[in-house]
Amino acid sequence: GLQIANGDNRNAQNLYVYMNQCDSVPLKYITLAAGDTKFVSLPHNFQGRVTRGTDALNLQGQAQWLGTWFECSFDPSGNGEIWGDVSLIRGYDGPVTMSATDGTGAARGFSNNILPGAPGAAIVTKPDWAKDLAPTEDGNTSSENWCLSQVQGKAYCDDSHGSPVIVSKNSVFDVTFYAGYI
């Protein structure tokens, strides 16, 4: 499962859990008060992501891909391991960190805001008018190059530069969503 924290000490955040191949309807969604933490249990076969959002956008039955993704999946062998990463391939709407809770010290992601200073060609507007880094998968080299220079291998910026995936052998990750652009 996931121990999810709101690293924004001023504002509540809405988070949405999606199974892969089910992009229009979240499996679960939670609201975390400023500084709050909640445990989110996941089915043993879970493969998917957690993203920021709003009920107005994420509960309308349409895929909302733009933003920072925390991705995770349980090992299909049933050995109790959960694998995960932070991905900016579909865009960036705020920092996310993750760490294994199995005592290994494995951690990825970043807590600093990388939007300030980004080149104009790397910025897009979400349906709710919030600014975001453009998805790198769409060939936006400005966004990709900015992302690579800022996260230094701690998150996916594309599928060609490193593998920031970690494992937690006890089936739990600590995940923190810091202040974002929603």
C-alpha atoms as a PDB file:
ATOM      1  CA  GLY A   1       0.000   0.000   0.000  1.00  0.00           C
ATOM      2  CA  LEU A   2       0.890   3.650   0.093  1.00  0.00           C
ATOM      3  CA  GLN A   3       1.468   5.964   3.026  1.00  0.00           C
ATOM      4  CA  ILE A   4       0.656   9.242   1.257  1.00  0.00           C
ATOM      5  CA  ALA A   5       1.500  12.626   2.766  1.00  0.00           C
ATOM      6  CA  ASN A   6       0.504  16.118   1.742  1.00  0.00           C
ATOM      7  CA  GLY A   7       3.777  18.040   1.802  1.00  0.00           C
ATOM      8  CA  ASP A   8       1.894  21.297   1.236  1.00  0.00           C
ATOM      9  CA  ASN A   9       1.517  22.780   4.711  1.00  0.00           C
ATOM     10  CA  ARG A  10      -0.939  25.467   3.545  1.00  0.00           C
ATOM     11  CA  ASN A  11      -3.455  23.776   1.244  1.00  0.00           C
ATOM     12  CA  ALA A  12      -5.406  20.546   1.003  1.00  0.00           C
ATOM     13  CA  GLN A  13      -4.699  18.323  -2.004  1.00  0.00           C
ATOM     14  CA  ASN A  14      -6.929  15.898  -3.880  1.00  0.00           C
ATOM     15  CA  LEU A  15      -5.192  12.740  -5.077  1.00  0.00           C
ATOM     16  CA  TYR A  16      -6.542  10.160  -7.520  1.00  0.00           C
ATOM     17  CA  VAL A  17      -5.484   6.509  -7.825  1.00  0.00           C
ATOM     18  CA  TYR A  18      -5.818   4.993 -11.306  1.00  0.00           C
ATOM     19  CA  MET A  19      -5.353   1.407 -12.458  1.00  0.00           C
ATOM     20  CA  ASN A  20      -3.485   1.086 -15.754  1.00  0.00           C
ATOM     21  CA  GLN A  21      -5.884   0.848 -18.701  1.00  0.00           C
ATOM     22  CA  CYS A  22      -8.607   2.607 -16.682  1.00  0.00           C
ATOM     23  CA  ASP A  23      -7.708   6.235 -17.243  1.00  0.00           C
ATOM     24  CA  SER A  24     -11.200   7.735 -17.046  1.00  0.00           C
ATOM     25  CA  VAL A  25     -12.359   6.556 -13.633  1.00  0.00           C
ATOM     26  CA  PRO A  26     -10.159   6.561 -10.534  1.00  0.00           C
ATOM     27  CA  LEU A  27     -10.048   3.408  -8.430  1.00  0.00           C
ATOM     28  CA  LYS A  28      -9.872   5.592  -5.310  1.00  0.00           C
ATOM     29  CA  TYR A  29      -9.532   9.249  -4.467  1.00  0.00           C
ATOM     30  CA  ILE A  30      -8.656  11.047  -1.273  1.00  0.00           C
ATOM     31  CA  THR A  31      -8.398  14.568   0.046  1.00  0.00           C
ATOM     32  CA  LEU A  32      -5.471  15.301   2.319  1.00  0.00           C
ATOM     33  CA  ALA A  33      -5.619  18.351   4.565  1.00  0.00           C
ATOM     34  CA  ALA A  34      -2.483  20.498   4.713  1.00  0.00           C
ATOM     35  CA  GLY A  35       0.293  18.403   6.257  1.00  0.00           C
ATOM     36  CA  ASP A  36      -1.958  15.326   6.596  1.00  0.00           C
ATOM     37  CA  THR A  37      -1.013  11.687   5.892  1.00  0.00           C
ATOM     38  CA  LYS A  38      -3.253   8.724   4.999  1.00  0.00           C
ATOM     39  CA  PHE A  39      -2.665   5.077   4.200  1.00  0.00           C
ATOM     40  CA  VAL A  40      -4.165   3.896   0.912  1.00  0.00           C
ATOM     41  CA  SER A  41      -4.505   0.142   0.480  1.00  0.00           C
ATOM     42  CA  LEU A  42      -4.198  -1.268  -3.024  1.00  0.00           C
ATOM     43  CA  PRO A  43      -5.336  -4.553  -4.572  1.00  0.00           C
ATOM     44  CA  HIS A  44      -2.593  -7.213  -4.769  1.00  0.00           C
ATOM     45  CA  ASN A  45      -2.540  -6.975  -8.584  1.00  0.00           C
ATOM     46  CA  PHE A  46      -2.361  -3.167  -8.705  1.00  0.00           C
ATOM     47  CA  GLN A  47      -0.474  -1.526 -11.544  1.00  0.00           C
ATOM     48  CA  GLY A  48      -1.146   2.177 -11.914  1.00  0.00           C
ATOM     49  CA  ARG A  49      -0.535   5.682 -10.685  1.00  0.00           C
ATOM     50  CA  VAL A  50      -1.475   8.424  -8.239  1.00  0.00           C
ATOM     51  CA  THR A  51      -1.909  11.995  -9.492  1.00  0.00           C
ATOM     52  CA  ARG A  52      -3.043  15.379  -8.186  1.00  0.00           C
ATOM     53  CA  GLY A  53      -6.295  16.795  -9.429  1.00  0.00           C
ATOM     54  CA  THR A  54      -9.712  18.220  -8.735  1.00  0.00           C
ATOM     55  CA  ASP A  55     -13.066  16.503  -8.478  1.00  0.00           C
ATOM     56  CA  ALA A  56     -14.366  18.738 -11.281  1.00  0.00           C
ATOM     57  CA  LEU A  57     -11.739  17.360 -13.682  1.00  0.00           C
ATOM     58  CA  ASN A  58     -10.893  13.891 -12.394  1.00  0.00           C
ATOM     59  CA  LEU A  59     -14.437  12.694 -11.727  1.00  0.00           C
ATOM     60  CA  GLN A  60     -15.940  13.692 -15.072  1.00  0.00           C
ATOM     61  CA  GLY A  61     -15.223  10.346 -16.762  1.00  0.00           C
ATOM     62  CA  GLN A  62     -12.422  11.548 -19.030  1.00  0.00           C
ATOM     63  CA  ALA A  63      -8.711  10.789 -18.818  1.00  0.00           C
ATOM     64  CA  GLN A  64      -6.652  13.504 -17.119  1.00  0.00           C
ATOM     65  CA  TRP A  65      -3.060  12.618 -17.971  1.00  0.00           C
ATOM     66  CA  LEU A  66      -1.264  15.960 -17.664  1.00  0.00           C
ATOM     67  CA  GLY A  67       0.786  16.188 -14.489  1.00  0.00           C
ATOM     68  CA  THR A  68       3.310  14.476 -12.232  1.00  0.00           C
ATOM     69  CA  TRP A  69       2.675  10.770 -11.765  1.00  0.00           C
ATOM     70  CA  PHE A  70       3.708   8.502  -8.915  1.00  0.00           C
ATOM     71  CA  GLU A  71       3.621   5.081 -10.586  1.00  0.00           C
ATOM     72  CA  CYS A  72       3.691   1.726  -8.817  1.00  0.00           C
ATOM     73  CA  SER A  73       2.916  -1.935  -9.286  1.00  0.00           C
ATOM     74  CA  PHE A  74       3.060  -5.056  -7.210  1.00  0.00           C
ATOM     75  CA  ASP A  75       5.402  -7.765  -8.432  1.00  0.00           C
ATOM     76  CA  PRO A  76       3.199 -10.224 -10.355  1.00  0.00           C
ATOM     77  CA  SER A  77       4.951 -13.197  -8.720  1.00  0.00           C
ATOM     78  CA  GLY A  78       3.205 -12.354  -5.441  1.00  0.00           C
ATOM     79  CA  ASN A  79       6.503 -12.025  -3.539  1.00  0.00           C
ATOM     80  CA  GLY A  80       5.280  -8.938  -1.653  1.00  0.00           C
ATOM     81  CA  GLU A  81       7.430  -6.421  -3.495  1.00  0.00           C
ATOM     82  CA  ILE A  82       6.079  -3.154  -4.854  1.00  0.00           C
ATOM     83  CA  TRP A  83       7.968  -1.266  -7.562  1.00  0.00           C
ATOM     84  CA  GLY A  84       7.621   2.452  -8.184  1.00  0.00           C
ATOM     85  CA  ASP A  85       8.866   5.663  -9.732  1.00  0.00           C
ATOM     86  CA  VAL A  86       8.042   9.334 -10.212  1.00  0.00           C
ATOM     87  CA  SER A  87       7.291  10.234 -13.829  1.00  0.00           C
ATOM     88  CA  LEU A  88       7.198  13.573 -15.652  1.00  0.00           C
ATOM     89  CA  ILE A  89       6.671  11.955 -19.053  1.00  0.00           C
ATOM     90  CA  ARG A  90       3.049  13.166 -19.065  1.00  0.00           C
ATOM     91  CA  GLY A  91       3.908  16.582 -17.632  1.00  0.00           C
ATOM     92  CA  TYR A  92       4.671  18.178 -14.281  1.00  0.00           C
ATOM     93  CA  ASP A  93       2.292  19.855 -11.848  1.00  0.00           C
ATOM     94  CA  GLY A  94       4.360  19.702  -8.675  1.00  0.00           C
ATOM     95  CA  PRO A  95       7.072  17.711  -6.908  1.00  0.00           C
ATOM     96  CA  VAL A  96       6.669  14.198  -5.506  1.00  0.00           C
ATOM     97  CA  THR A  97       9.025  12.055  -3.427  1.00  0.00           C
ATOM     98  CA  MET A  98       8.830   8.363  -2.690  1.00  0.00           C
ATOM     99  CA  SER A  99      10.776   6.037  -0.424  1.00  0.00           C
ATOM    100  CA  ALA A 100      10.794   2.357   0.399  1.00  0.00           C
ATOM    101  CA  THR A 101       9.674   1.487   3.925  1.00  0.00           C
ATOM    102  CA  ASP A 102      11.640  -1.767   4.064  1.00  0.00           C
ATOM    103  CA  GLY A 103      14.766  -0.284   5.668  1.00  0.00           C
ATOM    104  CA  THR A 104      16.852  -0.157   2.470  1.00  0.00           C
ATOM    105  CA  GLY A 105      16.795   3.640   2.259  1.00  0.00           C
ATOM    106  CA  ALA A 106      15.813   3.540  -1.420  1.00  0.00           C
ATOM    107  CA  ALA A 107      14.226   6.836  -2.475  1.00  0.00           C
ATOM    108  CA  ARG A 108      13.440   8.791  -5.642  1.00  0.00           C
ATOM    109  CA  GLY A 109      11.627  11.918  -6.718  1.00  0.00           C
ATOM    110  CA  PHE A 110      12.304  15.495  -5.702  1.00  0.00           C
ATOM    111  CA  SER A 111      10.799  18.097  -3.372  1.00  0.00           C
ATOM    112  CA  ASN A 112      11.828  21.301  -5.158  1.00  0.00           C
ATOM    113  CA  ASN A 113       9.508  23.104  -7.558  1.00  0.00           C
ATOM    114  CA  ILE A 114      10.993  22.890 -11.069  1.00  0.00           C
ATOM    115  CA  LEU A 115       8.437  25.074 -12.899  1.00  0.00           C
ATOM    116  CA  PRO A 116       9.993  28.493 -12.125  1.00  0.00           C
ATOM    117  CA  GLY A 117      12.591  29.331 -14.745  1.00  0.00           C
ATOM    118  CA  ALA A 118      11.336  26.800 -17.287  1.00  0.00           C
ATOM    119  CA  PRO A 119      11.480  28.058 -20.879  1.00  0.00           C
ATOM    120  CA  GLY A 120       8.195  29.347 -22.292  1.00  0.00           C
ATOM    121  CA  ALA A 121       8.131  26.596 -24.928  1.00  0.00           C
ATOM    122  CA  ALA A 122       8.051  24.032 -22.107  1.00  0.00           C
ATOM    123  CA  ILE A 123       4.899  25.449 -20.449  1.00  0.00           C
ATOM    124  CA  VAL A 124       1.330  24.348 -21.175  1.00  0.00           C
ATOM    125  CA  THR A 125      -2.007  25.231 -19.583  1.00  0.00           C
ATOM    126  CA  LYS A 126      -4.231  22.608 -17.973  1.00  0.00           C
ATOM    127  CA  PRO A 127      -8.015  22.596 -18.507  1.00  0.00           C
ATOM    128  CA  ASP A 128      -8.400  24.424 -15.163  1.00  0.00           C
ATOM    129  CA  TRP A 129      -5.937  27.127 -16.348  1.00  0.00           C
ATOM    130  CA  ALA A 130      -3.092  26.006 -14.086  1.00  0.00           C
ATOM    131  CA  LYS A 131       0.387  26.085 -15.636  1.00  0.00           C
ATOM    132  CA  ASP A 132       2.281  22.831 -16.118  1.00  0.00           C
ATOM    133  CA  LEU A 133       5.395  21.527 -17.826  1.00  0.00           C
ATOM    134  CA  ALA A 134       4.473  20.019 -21.165  1.00  0.00           C
ATOM    135  CA  PRO A 135       4.578  16.245 -21.565  1.00  0.00           C
ATOM    136  CA  THR A 136       7.964  15.065 -22.806  1.00  0.00           C
ATOM    137  CA  GLU A 137       6.412  12.147 -24.680  1.00  0.00           C
ATOM    138  CA  ASP A 138       4.946  14.550 -27.252  1.00  0.00           C
ATOM    139  CA  GLY A 139       8.392  15.515 -28.534  1.00  0.00           C
ATOM    140  CA  ASN A 140       8.629  18.788 -26.624  1.00  0.00           C
ATOM    141  CA  THR A 141      12.414  19.000 -26.390  1.00  0.00           C
ATOM    142  CA  SER A 142      12.228  22.213 -24.336  1.00  0.00           C
ATOM    143  CA  SER A 143      10.253  20.403 -21.640  1.00  0.00           C
ATOM    144  CA  GLU A 144      12.402  17.275 -21.847  1.00  0.00           C
ATOM    145  CA  ASN A 145      15.700  19.164 -21.633  1.00  0.00           C
ATOM    146  CA  TRP A 146      14.427  21.307 -18.734  1.00  0.00           C
ATOM    147  CA  CYS A 147      13.201  18.229 -16.894  1.00  0.00           C
ATOM    148  CA  LEU A 148      16.492  16.364 -17.377  1.00  0.00           C
ATOM    149  CA  SER A 149      18.485  19.350 -16.107  1.00  0.00           C
ATOM    150  CA  GLN A 150      16.314  19.717 -12.997  1.00  0.00           C
ATOM    151  CA  VAL A 151      15.642  16.194 -11.668  1.00  0.00           C
ATOM    152  CA  GLN A 152      19.036  14.615 -12.417  1.00  0.00           C
ATOM    153  CA  GLY A 153      17.886  11.014 -12.716  1.00  0.00           C
ATOM    154  CA  LYS A 154      15.522  11.058  -9.720  1.00  0.00           C
ATOM    155  CA  ALA A 155      12.403  10.833 -11.919  1.00  0.00           C
ATOM    156  CA  TYR A 156      11.482   9.721 -15.408  1.00  0.00           C
ATOM    157  CA  CYS A 157      11.680  12.561 -17.940  1.00  0.00           C
ATOM    158  CA  ASP A 158      11.564  10.187 -20.903  1.00  0.00           C
ATOM    159  CA  ASP A 159      12.170   6.511 -21.593  1.00  0.00           C
ATOM    160  CA  SER A 160      15.745   7.064 -22.814  1.00  0.00           C
ATOM    161  CA  HIS A 161      17.576   8.506 -19.802  1.00  0.00           C
ATOM    162  CA  GLY A 162      18.036   6.168 -16.867  1.00  0.00           C
ATOM    163  CA  SER A 163      15.725   4.043 -14.782  1.00  0.00           C
ATOM    164  CA  PRO A 164      14.664   5.749 -11.550  1.00  0.00           C
ATOM    165  CA  VAL A 165      12.606   2.735 -10.410  1.00  0.00           C
ATOM    166  CA  ILE A 166      12.939   1.436  -6.843  1.00  0.00           C
ATOM    167  CA  VAL A 167      11.434  -1.473  -4.932  1.00  0.00           C
ATOM    168  CA  SER A 168      10.022  -1.798  -1.430  1.00  0.00           C
ATOM    169  CA  LYS A 169      10.184  -5.414  -0.326  1.00  0.00           C
ATOM    170  CA  ASN A 170       7.453  -4.987   2.310  1.00  0.00           C
ATOM    171  CA  SER A 171       4.725  -3.801  -0.119  1.00  0.00           C
ATOM    172  CA  VAL A 172       4.626  -0.200   1.169  1.00  0.00           C
ATOM    173  CA  PHE A 173       5.960   3.119  -0.128  1.00  0.00           C
ATOM    174  CA  ASP A 174       5.992   6.466   1.647  1.00  0.00           C
ATOM    175  CA  VAL A 175       4.888   9.040  -0.940  1.00  0.00           C
ATOM    176  CA  THR A 176       4.759  12.814  -0.479  1.00  0.00           C
ATOM    177  CA  PHE A 177       2.967  15.197  -2.836  1.00  0.00           C
ATOM    178  CA  TYR A 178       4.314  18.722  -2.303  1.00  0.00           C
ATOM    179  CA  ALA A 179       2.527  21.958  -3.253  1.00  0.00           C
ATOM    180  CA  GLY A 180       1.397  21.698  -6.844  1.00  0.00           C
ATOM    181  CA  TYR A 181      -0.325  23.553  -9.637  1.00  0.00           C
ATOM    182  CA  ILE A 182      -3.991  22.605  -9.632  1.00  0.00           C
END
